[in-house]
Structure formats: C-alpha cells, structure tokens
Amino acid sequence: MKQMKPPKSSLYQSFSCAIDGIFSSIKSESNFKIHIVSALLVVAMGFFFQIAIYEWLWIALAIAVVMLAELINTSIESLANMVSQEYHPLIKKTKDAAAGAVLIAALFALISGLIIFIPKLIEAV
C-alpha cells in the first residue's frame, strides 16, 4: 500500500500566507492600524530631521518589534477566541500576557523615539 505524502509547501505559498496574515491584521485590527500610522509618522520625522544611520537602525528595530508583538498578540487572541468564547481565567491570562508584550514593545519604541527625536526637536526650536 502506497503512503500519501503531505503536500509540499512552496516558498511562494509560505510568503503568500505570511503576507495574507499581515494584510488580514491590517484590515481587522484597529491597534495594528494605529501602529502603522505611528510608524509612518516616525519615518517621516526621520527623513525630516535627517537622522543618522544608527538612529535609523533603532527606529527600524522599534517598528519591527512593535509590529511583531502585535501580530503575535492577534494570533494568540484569535486562537483563544476559537478555543472558547466563554470567560476562562487561563485564556484571560494568555490574552493579557500577549497584550502586555505589545505594551512593552510600544514603550520600547516610544522611549527609543524620544531619545532620538527630543534633542532634534529642541534644536529645531
């Protein structure tokens, strides 16, 4: 008897699924939209103030960390909602921890942005 092999996933399919996940989050998650608008504003400020390459690296890291945390939070919340629509203390703990990760990422991004942009704003005044 011949065993069936699972279908192979192509690199294209992998990227396609990943991009679908990002766009799905953009469409359905208001916080993700806020993070994108914030990132665009910070990037515009970076160009305006002509920040140094090492500052761009910190900005890019901060944006990536926040976006990653938000995507992971969204996936955890979606899975938790599928498991149970009713209140459960472990699901609450899971969702709260994921939201806490986003908060820590956002605070890191905020502090990084303040360290980079406050001196430039003071200099511009």
C-alpha atoms as a PDB file:
ATOM      1  CA  MET A   1       0.000   0.000   0.000  1.00  0.00           C
ATOM      2  CA  LYS A   2       1.405   3.353  -1.024  1.00  0.00           C
ATOM      3  CA  GLN A   3       1.532   6.097   1.631  1.00  0.00           C
ATOM      4  CA  MET A   4       0.401   9.551   0.682  1.00  0.00           C
ATOM      5  CA  LYS A   5       2.852  12.351   1.310  1.00  0.00           C
ATOM      6  CA  PRO A   6       1.643  15.662   2.681  1.00  0.00           C
ATOM      7  CA  PRO A   7       1.522  18.355   0.020  1.00  0.00           C
ATOM      8  CA  LYS A   8       4.742  20.294  -0.260  1.00  0.00           C
ATOM      9  CA  SER A   9       4.555  23.930   0.616  1.00  0.00           C
ATOM     10  CA  SER A  10       6.382  26.130  -1.812  1.00  0.00           C
ATOM     11  CA  LEU A  11       8.345  29.164  -0.789  1.00  0.00           C
ATOM     12  CA  TYR A  12       5.823  31.257  -2.725  1.00  0.00           C
ATOM     13  CA  GLN A  13       2.931  29.756  -0.727  1.00  0.00           C
ATOM     14  CA  SER A  14       4.752  30.453   2.534  1.00  0.00           C
ATOM     15  CA  PHE A  15       5.297  34.095   1.650  1.00  0.00           C
ATOM     16  CA  SER A  16       1.748  34.377   0.357  1.00  0.00           C
ATOM     17  CA  CYS A  17       0.325  33.113   3.658  1.00  0.00           C
ATOM     18  CA  ALA A  18       2.569  35.447   5.639  1.00  0.00           C
ATOM     19  CA  ILE A  19       1.525  38.450   3.571  1.00  0.00           C
ATOM     20  CA  ASP A  20      -2.138  37.418   3.882  1.00  0.00           C
ATOM     21  CA  GLY A  21      -1.691  37.348   7.663  1.00  0.00           C
ATOM     22  CA  ILE A  22      -0.248  40.850   7.704  1.00  0.00           C
ATOM     23  CA  PHE A  23      -2.983  42.289   5.470  1.00  0.00           C
ATOM     24  CA  SER A  24      -5.684  40.473   7.419  1.00  0.00           C
ATOM     25  CA  SER A  25      -4.386  42.061  10.617  1.00  0.00           C
ATOM     26  CA  ILE A  26      -4.275  45.484   8.974  1.00  0.00           C
ATOM     27  CA  LYS A  27      -7.906  45.110   7.903  1.00  0.00           C
ATOM     28  CA  SER A  28      -9.269  43.725  11.155  1.00  0.00           C
ATOM     29  CA  GLU A  29      -7.129  45.133  13.972  1.00  0.00           C
ATOM     30  CA  SER A  30      -7.501  48.817  14.854  1.00  0.00           C
ATOM     31  CA  ASN A  31      -4.392  48.753  17.051  1.00  0.00           C
ATOM     32  CA  PHE A  32      -2.340  47.459  14.126  1.00  0.00           C
ATOM     33  CA  LYS A  33      -3.571  50.401  12.051  1.00  0.00           C
ATOM     34  CA  ILE A  34      -2.507  52.776  14.837  1.00  0.00           C
ATOM     35  CA  HIS A  35       0.952  51.192  14.901  1.00  0.00           C
ATOM     36  CA  ILE A  36       1.275  51.576  11.123  1.00  0.00           C
ATOM     37  CA  VAL A  37       0.266  55.252  11.219  1.00  0.00           C
ATOM     38  CA  SER A  38       2.702  55.830  14.094  1.00  0.00           C
ATOM     39  CA  ALA A  39       5.486  54.090  12.171  1.00  0.00           C
ATOM     40  CA  LEU A  40       4.812  56.210   9.077  1.00  0.00           C
ATOM     41  CA  LEU A  41       4.917  59.399  11.163  1.00  0.00           C
ATOM     42  CA  VAL A  42       8.209  58.368  12.768  1.00  0.00           C
ATOM     43  CA  VAL A  43       9.716  57.517   9.389  1.00  0.00           C
ATOM     44  CA  ALA A  44       8.591  60.908   8.037  1.00  0.00           C
ATOM     45  CA  MET A  45      10.172  62.599  11.069  1.00  0.00           C
ATOM     46  CA  GLY A  46      13.347  60.629  10.450  1.00  0.00           C
ATOM     47  CA  PHE A  47      13.560  61.958   6.906  1.00  0.00           C
ATOM     48  CA  PHE A  48      12.677  65.477   8.010  1.00  0.00           C
ATOM     49  CA  PHE A  49      15.369  65.554  10.702  1.00  0.00           C
ATOM     50  CA  GLN A  50      17.831  63.567   8.574  1.00  0.00           C
ATOM     51  CA  ILE A  51      18.625  61.166  11.373  1.00  0.00           C
ATOM     52  CA  ALA A  52      21.873  59.207  11.361  1.00  0.00           C
ATOM     53  CA  ILE A  53      22.136  55.619  10.132  1.00  0.00           C
ATOM     54  CA  TYR A  54      22.459  54.240  13.666  1.00  0.00           C
ATOM     55  CA  GLU A  55      19.287  56.127  14.618  1.00  0.00           C
ATOM     56  CA  TRP A  56      17.506  54.560  11.632  1.00  0.00           C
ATOM     57  CA  LEU A  57      18.563  51.166  12.927  1.00  0.00           C
ATOM     58  CA  TRP A  58      16.947  51.868  16.320  1.00  0.00           C
ATOM     59  CA  ILE A  59      13.793  53.171  14.614  1.00  0.00           C
ATOM     60  CA  ALA A  60      13.616  50.115  12.350  1.00  0.00           C
ATOM     61  CA  LEU A  61      14.126  47.788  15.312  1.00  0.00           C
ATOM     62  CA  ALA A  62      11.444  49.539  17.341  1.00  0.00           C
ATOM     63  CA  ILE A  63       8.933  49.411  14.476  1.00  0.00           C
ATOM     64  CA  ALA A  64       9.673  45.747  13.791  1.00  0.00           C
ATOM     65  CA  VAL A  65       9.367  44.753  17.455  1.00  0.00           C
ATOM     66  CA  VAL A  66       6.005  46.506  17.813  1.00  0.00           C
ATOM     67  CA  MET A  67       4.633  45.006  14.587  1.00  0.00           C
ATOM     68  CA  LEU A  68       5.853  41.536  15.555  1.00  0.00           C
ATOM     69  CA  ALA A  69       4.332  41.800  19.013  1.00  0.00           C
ATOM     70  CA  GLU A  70       1.024  43.000  17.575  1.00  0.00           C
ATOM     71  CA  LEU A  71       0.890  40.149  15.040  1.00  0.00           C
ATOM     72  CA  ILE A  72       1.681  37.569  17.714  1.00  0.00           C
ATOM     73  CA  ASN A  73      -0.914  39.143  20.027  1.00  0.00           C
ATOM     74  CA  THR A  74      -3.506  38.998  17.248  1.00  0.00           C
ATOM     75  CA  SER A  75      -2.752  35.346  16.537  1.00  0.00           C
ATOM     76  CA  ILE A  76      -2.961  34.410  20.232  1.00  0.00           C
ATOM     77  CA  GLU A  77      -6.240  36.285  20.677  1.00  0.00           C
ATOM     78  CA  SER A  78      -7.737  34.694  17.552  1.00  0.00           C
ATOM     79  CA  LEU A  79      -6.769  31.212  18.675  1.00  0.00           C
ATOM     80  CA  ALA A  80      -8.025  31.836  22.212  1.00  0.00           C
ATOM     81  CA  ASN A  81     -11.360  33.097  20.861  1.00  0.00           C
ATOM     82  CA  MET A  82     -11.688  29.954  18.762  1.00  0.00           C
ATOM     83  CA  VAL A  83     -10.969  27.713  21.751  1.00  0.00           C
ATOM     84  CA  SER A  84     -13.608  29.329  23.940  1.00  0.00           C
ATOM     85  CA  GLN A  85     -15.951  32.264  23.688  1.00  0.00           C
ATOM     86  CA  GLU A  86     -16.706  31.987  27.385  1.00  0.00           C
ATOM     87  CA  TYR A  87     -14.627  33.503  30.160  1.00  0.00           C
ATOM     88  CA  HIS A  88     -11.824  31.307  31.376  1.00  0.00           C
ATOM     89  CA  PRO A  89      -9.073  32.527  33.721  1.00  0.00           C
ATOM     90  CA  LEU A  90      -6.291  30.845  31.713  1.00  0.00           C
ATOM     91  CA  ILE A  91      -7.491  32.379  28.453  1.00  0.00           C
ATOM     92  CA  LYS A  92      -7.655  35.771  30.170  1.00  0.00           C
ATOM     93  CA  LYS A  93      -4.124  35.263  31.479  1.00  0.00           C
ATOM     94  CA  THR A  94      -2.917  34.309  27.996  1.00  0.00           C
ATOM     95  CA  LYS A  95      -4.569  37.280  26.304  1.00  0.00           C
ATOM     96  CA  ASP A  96      -3.359  39.689  28.994  1.00  0.00           C
ATOM     97  CA  ALA A  97       0.222  38.417  28.681  1.00  0.00           C
ATOM     98  CA  ALA A  98       0.139  38.850  24.898  1.00  0.00           C
ATOM     99  CA  ALA A  99      -1.269  42.360  25.281  1.00  0.00           C
ATOM    100  CA  GLY A 100       1.440  43.062  27.851  1.00  0.00           C
ATOM    101  CA  ALA A 101       4.074  42.068  25.310  1.00  0.00           C
ATOM    102  CA  VAL A 102       2.671  44.633  22.884  1.00  0.00           C
ATOM    103  CA  LEU A 103       2.707  47.266  25.629  1.00  0.00           C
ATOM    104  CA  ILE A 104       6.367  46.558  26.432  1.00  0.00           C
ATOM    105  CA  ALA A 105       7.237  46.733  22.724  1.00  0.00           C
ATOM    106  CA  ALA A 106       5.357  50.007  22.322  1.00  0.00           C
ATOM    107  CA  LEU A 107       7.071  51.509  25.388  1.00  0.00           C
ATOM    108  CA  PHE A 108      10.451  50.466  23.956  1.00  0.00           C
ATOM    109  CA  ALA A 109       9.528  52.180  20.684  1.00  0.00           C
ATOM    110  CA  LEU A 110       8.315  55.309  22.467  1.00  0.00           C
ATOM    111  CA  ILE A 111      11.459  55.605  24.599  1.00  0.00           C
ATOM    112  CA  SER A 112      13.677  54.994  21.563  1.00  0.00           C
ATOM    113  CA  GLY A 113      11.803  57.654  19.613  1.00  0.00           C
ATOM    114  CA  LEU A 114      12.015  60.153  22.451  1.00  0.00           C
ATOM    115  CA  ILE A 115      15.762  59.599  22.855  1.00  0.00           C
ATOM    116  CA  ILE A 116      16.281  60.154  19.144  1.00  0.00           C
ATOM    117  CA  PHE A 117      13.825  62.976  18.447  1.00  0.00           C
ATOM    118  CA  ILE A 118      13.706  65.148  21.595  1.00  0.00           C
ATOM    119  CA  PRO A 119      17.217  66.573  21.022  1.00  0.00           C
ATOM    120  CA  LYS A 120      16.338  67.256  17.375  1.00  0.00           C
ATOM    121  CA  LEU A 121      13.063  68.957  18.337  1.00  0.00           C
ATOM    122  CA  ILE A 122      14.848  71.089  20.954  1.00  0.00           C
ATOM    123  CA  GLU A 123      17.499  72.033  18.401  1.00  0.00           C
ATOM    124  CA  ALA A 124      14.822  72.984  15.865  1.00  0.00           C
ATOM    125  CA  VAL A 125      13.083  75.370  18.291  1.00  0.00           C
END
